[in-house]
Amino acid sequence: MNTNIVLNIRLPRVLLAGLVGASLAIAGAAFQGLLRNPLADPYTLGISSGASVGAVITIFFHLSLPVIGMLTLPIMSILGSFLTIFCVLLFARKIEKSMKVETIILTGIIFSSFFSSFISLIIALTGDELRQIIGWLLGSVSMRGWNYVLILLPFFIVGSLLLLLNAKELDAMSLGEERAQHLGVNVEKRKLLILIAGSILTGAAVSVSGAIGFVGLVIPHLLRIIWGPNHRQLLPLSILFGSAFLIITDLVSRTIIQPSELPIGVITALIGAPVFAVILMKRKRGRRG
């Protein structure tokens, strides 16, 4: 019995939490470097909300695509994240051809709000699936099992490798797109690859764990303050610390009010929001100084 609990319940839960935390953290680090803004992450850009819409639609309509079967949820979630980033960039370009960072982030927030309203509408129309959808939206890695680990793992490997292979280009683009072009970087191609990789990571993570906020926002920002902006160090460290953070957070959510369990998204928000507020206050004081 103890072996079964460790191998089939505890171990896959820890591994899944680690993979989700690593996926969100490295995606957040890449988006912050690409857009040169500490507020950029999968959630503020609307990518997570788009992925959530794809997943909620799959749950609501009990979708199961032929051939791919159990991969329907992550595929629909990734598709939602792709469509969202495409719409955000298209809309931002319509507003301002130069697509300034502030415009992209504000557009992402608009789409995020819209998708949140759409999800609320689905919840209002939901009957038996209400508990499942709300539980999923709050974020959790409990009772997922090895199937969910195996679903997320290939997407994590592909997305992470794409970002790690573009670490040098991210360093160049964090100095500004014009400078990057002078350094020989194909900015449009690299930007598209980074956005695709971040969308794959976010969509896959959201599909297996639900909406877990602040991991992709706070972890890369703290690491950038401590270790500097070099993405060849920052991206691997984001994987390591994002993974550790979510594993510890999951442990807290599981034990803090035993025998009940809190959704992991609640804990990350309670920790992440104050930490990020402190970071912003220190940055503002530093600029004044």
Protein backbone atom coordinates (compact mmCIF):
# COMPACT_ATOMS: atom_id res chain seq x y z
CA MET A 1 0.00 0.00 0.00
CA ASN A 2 2.80 2.44 0.92
CA THR A 3 4.62 1.64 -2.33
CA ASN A 4 1.43 2.26 -4.29
CA ILE A 5 0.85 5.62 -2.53
CA VAL A 6 4.43 6.78 -3.21
CA LEU A 7 4.76 5.54 -6.80
CA ASN A 8 1.25 6.17 -8.14
CA ILE A 9 0.04 9.18 -6.13
CA ARG A 10 2.88 11.17 -4.50
CA LEU A 11 5.64 10.82 -7.12
CA PRO A 12 3.57 11.78 -10.21
CA ARG A 13 2.10 14.69 -8.26
CA VAL A 14 5.56 16.05 -7.36
CA LEU A 15 6.85 15.56 -10.91
CA LEU A 16 3.77 17.23 -12.42
CA ALA A 17 4.08 20.21 -10.05
CA GLY A 18 7.75 20.52 -10.99
CA LEU A 19 7.05 20.37 -14.73
CA VAL A 20 4.20 22.91 -14.51
CA GLY A 21 6.29 25.33 -12.41
CA ALA A 22 9.27 24.96 -14.77
CA SER A 23 7.08 25.50 -17.86
CA LEU A 24 5.45 28.67 -16.52
CA ALA A 25 8.72 30.11 -15.16
CA ILE A 26 10.79 29.63 -18.33
CA ALA A 27 7.92 30.96 -20.49
CA GLY A 28 7.66 34.02 -18.23
CA ALA A 29 11.44 34.61 -18.38
CA ALA A 30 11.37 34.44 -22.18
CA PHE A 31 8.40 36.82 -22.49
CA GLN A 32 9.97 39.33 -20.08
CA GLY A 33 13.22 39.27 -22.05
CA LEU A 34 11.50 39.48 -25.43
CA LEU A 35 9.23 42.37 -24.48
CA ARG A 36 11.76 44.02 -22.13
CA ASN A 37 9.15 44.39 -19.42
CA PRO A 38 8.94 42.76 -15.94
CA LEU A 39 5.13 42.70 -16.18
CA ALA A 40 5.16 40.39 -19.22
CA ASP A 41 4.16 36.81 -18.51
CA PRO A 42 1.72 34.24 -19.93
CA TYR A 43 -1.12 35.70 -17.85
CA THR A 44 -0.71 39.42 -18.57
CA LEU A 45 -0.33 38.63 -22.28
CA GLY A 46 -3.65 36.75 -22.24
CA ILE A 47 -2.03 33.46 -23.36
CA SER A 48 -3.03 31.62 -20.19
CA SER A 49 -6.63 32.82 -20.48
CA GLY A 50 -6.76 31.67 -24.10
CA ALA A 51 -5.39 28.27 -23.06
CA SER A 52 -8.00 28.14 -20.28
CA VAL A 53 -10.79 28.79 -22.80
CA GLY A 54 -9.56 25.90 -24.96
CA ALA A 55 -9.44 23.58 -21.94
CA VAL A 56 -12.82 24.69 -20.53
CA ILE A 57 -14.52 24.18 -23.92
CA THR A 58 -13.01 20.66 -24.05
CA ILE A 59 -14.32 19.86 -20.56
CA PHE A 60 -17.73 21.49 -21.13
CA PHE A 61 -18.48 19.73 -24.43
CA HIS A 62 -16.70 16.46 -23.46
CA LEU A 63 -14.56 16.73 -26.58
CA SER A 64 -12.35 13.84 -27.61
CA LEU A 65 -10.69 14.24 -30.99
CA PRO A 66 -10.15 11.08 -33.06
CA VAL A 67 -6.65 9.54 -33.12
CA ILE A 68 -5.16 11.81 -30.39
CA GLY A 69 -7.71 10.80 -27.69
CA MET A 70 -6.28 11.74 -24.27
CA LEU A 71 -4.17 14.48 -25.89
CA THR A 72 -7.34 16.41 -26.83
CA LEU A 73 -7.17 18.60 -23.71
CA PRO A 74 -3.53 19.80 -24.10
CA ILE A 75 -3.89 20.19 -27.90
CA MET A 76 -7.04 22.33 -27.51
CA SER A 77 -5.35 24.31 -24.74
CA ILE A 78 -2.22 24.95 -26.86
CA LEU A 79 -4.44 25.85 -29.82
CA GLY A 80 -6.22 28.38 -27.59
CA SER A 81 -2.88 29.90 -26.53
CA PHE A 82 -1.69 30.11 -30.17
CA LEU A 83 -4.89 31.81 -31.32
CA THR A 84 -4.67 34.25 -28.41
CA ILE A 85 -1.09 35.36 -29.05
CA PHE A 86 -1.90 35.66 -32.77
CA CYS A 87 -4.95 37.86 -32.01
CA VAL A 88 -3.01 39.93 -29.44
CA LEU A 89 -0.19 40.67 -31.91
CA LEU A 90 -2.62 41.34 -34.77
CA PHE A 91 -4.71 43.70 -32.64
CA ALA A 92 -1.62 45.46 -31.27
CA ARG A 93 -0.33 45.94 -34.83
CA LYS A 94 -3.67 47.47 -35.87
CA ILE A 95 -3.46 49.95 -32.97
CA GLU A 96 0.21 50.76 -33.47
CA LYS A 97 2.35 49.49 -36.36
CA SER A 98 5.54 49.65 -34.30
CA MET A 99 3.87 47.33 -31.72
CA LYS A 100 5.38 48.92 -28.62
CA VAL A 101 5.73 46.73 -25.55
CA GLU A 102 3.11 48.68 -23.60
CA THR A 103 0.60 48.23 -26.44
CA ILE A 104 1.13 44.45 -26.56
CA ILE A 105 0.73 44.11 -22.77
CA LEU A 106 -2.40 46.28 -22.67
CA THR A 107 -3.85 44.29 -25.58
CA GLY A 108 -3.06 41.07 -23.71
CA ILE A 109 -4.89 42.37 -20.63
CA ILE A 110 -7.93 43.24 -22.82
CA PHE A 111 -8.05 39.72 -24.28
CA SER A 112 -7.48 38.20 -20.85
CA SER A 113 -10.49 40.10 -19.45
CA PHE A 114 -12.62 39.08 -22.44
CA PHE A 115 -11.72 35.39 -22.09
CA SER A 116 -12.35 35.50 -18.34
CA SER A 117 -15.86 36.79 -19.09
CA PHE A 118 -16.34 34.00 -21.64
CA ILE A 119 -15.28 31.39 -19.05
CA SER A 120 -17.72 32.93 -16.53
CA LEU A 121 -20.47 32.57 -19.13
CA ILE A 122 -19.65 28.87 -19.61
CA ILE A 123 -19.69 28.37 -15.81
CA ALA A 124 -23.12 30.06 -15.66
CA LEU A 125 -24.41 27.61 -18.29
CA THR A 126 -22.78 24.59 -16.67
CA GLY A 127 -24.67 21.89 -14.83
CA ASP A 128 -22.87 18.76 -13.69
CA GLU A 129 -19.46 19.98 -14.90
CA LEU A 130 -19.53 23.06 -12.60
CA ARG A 131 -17.40 21.55 -9.82
CA GLN A 132 -14.89 20.10 -12.29
CA ILE A 133 -14.45 23.39 -14.21
CA ILE A 134 -14.18 25.59 -11.09
CA GLY A 135 -11.76 23.15 -9.45
CA TRP A 136 -9.67 23.13 -12.62
CA LEU A 137 -9.69 26.94 -12.91
CA LEU A 138 -8.40 27.36 -9.34
CA GLY A 139 -5.36 25.25 -10.26
CA SER A 140 -4.33 21.90 -8.83
CA VAL A 141 -1.99 18.96 -9.46
CA SER A 142 -3.72 16.54 -7.09
CA MET A 143 -4.94 13.10 -8.23
CA ARG A 144 -3.58 13.60 -11.75
CA GLY A 145 -1.43 10.47 -12.04
CA TRP A 146 1.26 9.43 -14.52
CA ASN A 147 -0.97 10.08 -17.57
CA TYR A 148 -0.83 13.83 -16.99
CA VAL A 149 2.96 13.75 -16.48
CA LEU A 150 3.35 11.92 -19.79
CA ILE A 151 1.00 14.40 -21.52
CA LEU A 152 2.98 17.44 -20.35
CA LEU A 153 6.53 16.05 -20.67
CA PRO A 154 6.93 16.10 -24.52
CA PHE A 155 5.50 19.62 -24.78
CA PHE A 156 7.81 20.78 -21.96
CA ILE A 157 10.87 19.29 -23.67
CA VAL A 158 10.04 20.84 -27.07
CA GLY A 159 9.13 24.27 -25.68
CA SER A 160 12.11 24.46 -23.31
CA LEU A 161 14.60 23.36 -26.00
CA LEU A 162 13.27 26.01 -28.39
CA LEU A 163 13.77 28.72 -25.76
CA LEU A 164 17.19 27.47 -24.62
CA LEU A 165 18.41 27.38 -28.23
CA ASN A 166 17.32 31.02 -28.59
CA ALA A 167 18.97 32.26 -25.36
CA LYS A 168 21.66 34.29 -27.19
CA GLU A 169 19.04 35.89 -29.44
CA LEU A 170 16.94 36.74 -26.37
CA ASP A 171 19.98 38.52 -24.87
CA ALA A 172 20.32 40.54 -28.07
CA MET A 173 16.59 41.36 -28.34
CA SER A 174 16.44 42.43 -24.69
CA LEU A 175 18.71 45.34 -25.75
CA GLY A 176 16.13 46.41 -28.34
CA GLU A 177 15.04 45.06 -31.72
CA GLU A 178 17.14 47.54 -33.73
CA ARG A 179 20.33 46.62 -31.87
CA ALA A 180 19.51 42.93 -32.29
CA GLN A 181 19.19 43.40 -36.05
CA HIS A 182 22.58 45.16 -36.13
CA LEU A 183 24.02 42.14 -34.29
CA GLY A 184 22.75 39.87 -37.07
CA VAL A 185 19.61 38.49 -35.39
CA ASN A 186 16.62 37.69 -37.60
CA VAL A 187 14.24 39.44 -35.19
CA GLU A 188 10.91 38.47 -36.78
CA LYS A 189 11.83 34.79 -37.05
CA ARG A 190 13.26 34.57 -33.52
CA LYS A 191 10.35 36.50 -32.02
CA LEU A 192 7.90 34.07 -33.65
CA LEU A 193 9.85 31.03 -32.39
CA ILE A 194 9.97 32.39 -28.84
CA LEU A 195 6.25 33.20 -28.85
CA ILE A 196 5.42 29.73 -30.22
CA ALA A 197 7.63 28.02 -27.60
CA GLY A 198 6.09 30.09 -24.78
CA SER A 199 2.59 29.30 -26.04
CA ILE A 200 3.36 25.55 -26.17
CA LEU A 201 4.66 25.61 -22.59
CA THR A 202 1.79 27.71 -21.26
CA GLY A 203 -0.95 25.81 -23.09
CA ALA A 204 0.36 22.40 -22.00
CA ALA A 205 0.87 23.52 -18.37
CA VAL A 206 -2.61 25.08 -18.14
CA SER A 207 -4.22 21.98 -19.68
CA VAL A 208 -2.95 19.64 -16.93
CA SER A 209 -3.01 21.90 -13.87
CA GLY A 210 -5.48 24.70 -14.55
CA ALA A 211 -4.79 28.40 -14.07
CA ILE A 212 -1.84 28.93 -11.71
CA GLY A 213 -0.76 32.56 -11.59
CA PHE A 214 2.35 34.54 -10.60
CA VAL A 215 4.88 31.72 -11.21
CA GLY A 216 5.87 33.10 -14.61
CA LEU A 217 5.81 36.65 -13.28
CA VAL A 218 7.65 36.55 -9.95
CA ILE A 219 10.23 33.74 -10.31
CA PRO A 220 12.02 35.09 -13.45
CA HIS A 221 11.92 38.63 -12.05
CA LEU A 222 13.55 37.58 -8.76
CA LEU A 223 16.18 35.55 -10.63
CA ARG A 224 16.93 38.49 -12.91
CA ILE A 225 17.57 40.68 -9.83
CA ILE A 226 19.83 38.07 -8.16
CA TRP A 227 21.72 36.56 -11.13
CA GLY A 228 21.39 39.21 -13.82
CA PRO A 229 19.69 39.31 -17.24
CA ASN A 230 21.88 36.78 -19.13
CA HIS A 231 19.32 34.37 -20.60
CA ARG A 232 21.86 31.54 -20.95
CA GLN A 233 21.80 31.41 -17.13
CA LEU A 234 18.33 32.82 -16.54
CA LEU A 235 16.36 30.23 -18.55
CA PRO A 236 17.88 27.10 -16.91
CA LEU A 237 17.60 28.76 -13.47
CA SER A 238 13.94 29.57 -14.19
CA ILE A 239 13.31 25.88 -14.90
CA LEU A 240 15.01 24.88 -11.63
CA PHE A 241 13.51 27.51 -9.32
CA GLY A 242 10.06 27.51 -10.97
CA SER A 243 9.92 23.76 -10.46
CA ALA A 244 11.07 23.99 -6.82
CA PHE A 245 8.65 26.84 -6.07
CA LEU A 246 5.58 24.97 -7.32
CA ILE A 247 6.58 21.71 -5.59
CA ILE A 248 6.91 23.56 -2.25
CA THR A 249 3.68 25.49 -2.90
CA ASP A 250 1.84 22.23 -3.63
CA LEU A 251 3.19 20.78 -0.38
CA VAL A 252 1.85 23.81 1.52
CA SER A 253 -1.55 23.62 -0.22
CA ARG A 254 -1.79 19.92 0.72
CA THR A 255 -0.80 20.22 4.38
CA ILE A 256 -1.84 23.69 5.62
CA ILE A 257 -5.48 22.76 6.39
CA GLN A 258 -5.31 18.97 6.61
CA PRO A 259 -7.30 16.84 5.89
CA SER A 260 -8.74 19.34 3.38
CA GLU A 261 -6.66 20.73 0.53
CA LEU A 262 -6.38 24.24 -0.89
CA PRO A 263 -6.10 24.85 -4.64
CA ILE A 264 -2.47 25.52 -5.53
CA GLY A 265 -3.44 28.65 -7.50
CA VAL A 266 -4.70 30.26 -4.28
CA ILE A 267 -1.33 29.72 -2.55
CA THR A 268 0.73 31.04 -5.49
CA ALA A 269 -1.45 34.17 -5.62
CA LEU A 270 -1.17 34.73 -1.85
CA ILE A 271 2.63 34.44 -2.06
CA GLY A 272 3.20 35.98 -5.49
CA ALA A 273 1.11 39.13 -5.27
CA PRO A 274 2.80 40.62 -2.14
CA VAL A 275 6.28 39.59 -3.36
CA PHE A 276 5.72 41.24 -6.71
CA ALA A 277 4.34 44.38 -5.03
CA VAL A 278 7.53 44.60 -2.92
CA ILE A 279 9.70 44.14 -6.04
CA LEU A 280 7.90 46.96 -7.86
CA MET A 281 8.20 49.29 -4.84
CA LYS A 282 11.96 48.62 -4.59
CA ARG A 283 12.40 49.23 -8.33
CA LYS A 284 10.59 52.56 -8.04
CA ARG A 285 12.71 53.61 -5.04
CA GLY A 286 15.86 52.52 -6.90
CA ARG A 287 14.97 54.75 -9.86
CA ARG A 288 14.34 57.72 -7.56
CA GLY A 289 17.67 57.07 -5.81
